[in-house]
Amino acid sequence: MGVSVDGCCLPGAGDGLKGRHLASTNVDALHPVNLCAGAFRTDPVSGYPPGDPRQLPRRTLVGALHDLLSLIGFLALAAACFVFAPSNAPGWAFYSIASGVLFTATMVLADAAFKQHQRWADLGGLIRRVSLTIGWTWQTLLAVRILYT
């Protein structure tokens, strides 16, 4: 789920050319990172898939690669929310910052759930999906905003 953008063409996309280039790079980085993360299967966790243990005694190389690439993609998306926030449209700025904060917060909660934190362990999959919905909705609206700006 990536949006190819040229941050230099978007008014208010960061402070000066450096901020705009960073935003463009963050969003463009999502293409290969998400494709690569999807190519590696995640390790079983919290009894998913059914019949698997709640957590493996050791991480597999494939699971570690999935997690590492996913982390890079999630950090790029969260950073892009903040870099693209400065705008002449206060509603967009608020939405972008709120999306960045909520996306990051739900990713942290999902991580706690997947590490078997007792309070969140059974909700990890749901929390991760809420987080992805927040991030990918923001990314979709960014693409629409760029298209009509």
Protein backbone atom coordinates (compact mmCIF):
# COMPACT_ATOMS: atom_id res chain seq x y z
CA MET A 1 0.00 0.00 0.00
CA GLY A 2 2.13 2.85 -1.20
CA VAL A 3 1.48 6.18 -2.78
CA SER A 4 4.09 7.50 -5.13
CA VAL A 5 4.31 11.21 -4.52
CA ASP A 6 6.57 14.08 -5.35
CA GLY A 7 6.48 16.04 -2.11
CA CYS A 8 7.82 19.09 -3.90
CA CYS A 9 4.55 19.50 -5.78
CA LEU A 10 2.37 19.48 -2.66
CA PRO A 11 1.88 22.88 -1.02
CA GLY A 12 2.76 22.86 2.65
CA ALA A 13 4.40 19.43 2.67
CA GLY A 14 7.00 20.20 5.29
CA ASP A 15 9.40 23.04 5.86
CA GLY A 16 11.29 23.78 2.71
CA LEU A 17 12.63 21.37 0.17
CA LYS A 18 14.29 19.11 2.75
CA GLY A 19 11.02 18.37 4.57
CA ARG A 20 9.22 17.76 1.30
CA HIS A 21 11.92 15.38 0.09
CA LEU A 22 11.75 13.49 3.41
CA ALA A 23 7.97 13.14 3.09
CA SER A 24 8.25 11.93 -0.48
CA THR A 25 10.93 9.43 0.50
CA ASN A 26 8.88 8.13 3.46
CA VAL A 27 5.77 7.50 1.42
CA ASP A 28 7.69 6.07 -1.55
CA ALA A 29 9.56 3.71 0.82
CA LEU A 30 6.29 1.98 1.62
CA HIS A 31 6.10 0.29 -1.81
CA PRO A 32 9.07 -2.09 -1.64
CA VAL A 33 9.02 -2.44 2.14
CA ASN A 34 5.40 -3.61 2.24
CA LEU A 35 5.95 -5.96 -0.69
CA CYS A 36 9.01 -7.47 0.96
CA ALA A 37 7.35 -7.73 4.39
CA GLY A 38 4.44 -9.53 2.76
CA ALA A 39 6.83 -11.99 1.12
CA PHE A 40 7.93 -13.25 4.53
CA ARG A 41 5.48 -15.10 6.75
CA THR A 42 5.07 -13.86 10.29
CA ASP A 43 5.72 -16.22 13.20
CA PRO A 44 2.68 -17.71 14.98
CA VAL A 45 1.55 -15.71 18.01
CA SER A 46 -1.34 -15.79 20.49
CA GLY A 47 -2.54 -19.15 19.17
CA TYR A 48 -2.89 -17.90 15.59
CA PRO A 49 -3.09 -19.70 13.30
CA PRO A 50 -5.30 -22.04 15.36
CA GLY A 51 -3.41 -24.93 16.89
CA ASP A 52 -0.09 -23.06 17.07
CA PRO A 53 1.51 -22.15 20.39
CA ARG A 54 0.85 -18.77 21.98
CA GLN A 55 4.46 -17.85 21.21
CA LEU A 56 7.40 -19.71 19.67
CA PRO A 57 10.39 -20.36 21.95
CA ARG A 58 12.63 -18.68 19.34
CA ARG A 59 11.88 -16.39 16.44
CA THR A 60 12.44 -17.73 12.95
CA LEU A 61 14.56 -15.88 10.39
CA VAL A 62 11.53 -15.47 8.12
CA GLY A 63 9.43 -14.08 10.99
CA ALA A 64 12.23 -11.71 12.02
CA LEU A 65 12.52 -10.40 8.43
CA HIS A 66 8.75 -9.87 8.30
CA ASP A 67 8.84 -7.95 11.59
CA LEU A 68 11.87 -5.84 10.61
CA LEU A 69 10.48 -4.84 7.23
CA SER A 70 7.07 -4.14 8.72
CA LEU A 71 8.66 -1.91 11.37
CA ILE A 72 10.47 0.11 8.68
CA GLY A 73 7.22 0.54 6.73
CA PHE A 74 5.23 1.51 9.82
CA LEU A 75 7.83 4.05 10.94
CA ALA A 76 7.90 5.58 7.44
CA LEU A 77 4.11 5.86 7.39
CA ALA A 78 3.95 7.40 10.87
CA ALA A 79 6.68 9.91 9.99
CA ALA A 80 4.91 10.81 6.74
CA CYS A 81 1.74 11.66 8.68
CA PHE A 82 3.66 14.33 10.59
CA VAL A 83 5.78 15.58 7.70
CA PHE A 84 2.72 16.09 5.47
CA ALA A 85 0.73 17.75 8.29
CA PRO A 86 1.86 21.38 7.74
CA SER A 87 -0.73 22.83 5.45
CA ASN A 88 -2.84 25.87 4.67
CA ALA A 89 -5.83 23.65 5.47
CA PRO A 90 -6.14 23.39 9.28
CA GLY A 91 -8.51 20.42 8.96
CA TRP A 92 -5.91 18.43 7.03
CA ALA A 93 -3.17 19.34 9.50
CA PHE A 94 -5.30 18.20 12.45
CA TYR A 95 -6.35 14.99 10.69
CA SER A 96 -2.79 14.20 9.65
CA ILE A 97 -1.36 14.72 13.14
CA ALA A 98 -4.22 12.79 14.76
CA SER A 99 -3.67 9.94 12.30
CA GLY A 100 0.06 9.87 13.08
CA VAL A 101 -0.56 9.81 16.83
CA LEU A 102 -3.33 7.18 16.67
CA PHE A 103 -1.44 5.03 14.17
CA THR A 104 1.66 5.05 16.38
CA ALA A 105 -0.30 4.44 19.60
CA THR A 106 -2.22 1.49 18.17
CA MET A 107 0.98 0.00 16.74
CA VAL A 108 2.57 0.18 20.21
CA LEU A 109 -0.51 -1.52 21.72
CA ALA A 110 -0.45 -4.22 19.04
CA ASP A 111 3.24 -4.81 19.72
CA ALA A 112 2.47 -5.20 23.45
CA ALA A 113 -0.29 -7.67 22.58
CA PHE A 114 1.99 -9.73 20.34
CA LYS A 115 4.57 -9.84 23.14
CA GLN A 116 1.85 -11.46 25.25
CA HIS A 117 1.13 -8.52 27.58
CA GLN A 118 -1.70 -10.05 29.59
CA ARG A 119 -4.14 -7.15 29.16
CA TRP A 120 -3.79 -6.95 25.37
CA ALA A 121 -2.73 -10.45 24.19
CA ASP A 122 -6.15 -11.54 22.94
CA LEU A 123 -6.72 -8.26 21.07
CA GLY A 124 -3.47 -8.05 19.09
CA GLY A 125 -4.93 -8.89 15.69
CA LEU A 126 -7.84 -6.48 16.12
CA ILE A 127 -5.60 -3.66 17.32
CA ARG A 128 -3.18 -4.21 14.42
CA ARG A 129 -6.06 -4.05 11.93
CA VAL A 130 -7.39 -0.84 13.49
CA SER A 131 -3.91 0.63 13.23
CA LEU A 132 -3.53 -0.37 9.58
CA THR A 133 -6.97 1.05 8.80
CA ILE A 134 -5.94 4.38 10.32
CA GLY A 135 -2.63 4.49 8.45
CA TRP A 136 -3.87 3.30 5.08
CA THR A 137 -6.95 5.57 5.22
CA TRP A 138 -4.64 8.53 5.83
CA GLN A 139 -2.45 7.39 2.95
CA THR A 140 -5.46 7.07 0.63
CA LEU A 141 -6.71 10.53 1.57
CA LEU A 142 -3.22 11.92 1.00
CA ALA A 143 -3.34 10.52 -2.54
CA VAL A 144 -6.77 12.10 -3.11
CA ARG A 145 -5.50 15.40 -1.70
CA ILE A 146 -2.48 15.36 -4.00
CA LEU A 147 -4.67 14.49 -6.97
CA TYR A 148 -6.96 17.48 -6.41
CA THR A 149 -4.41 20.02 -5.14
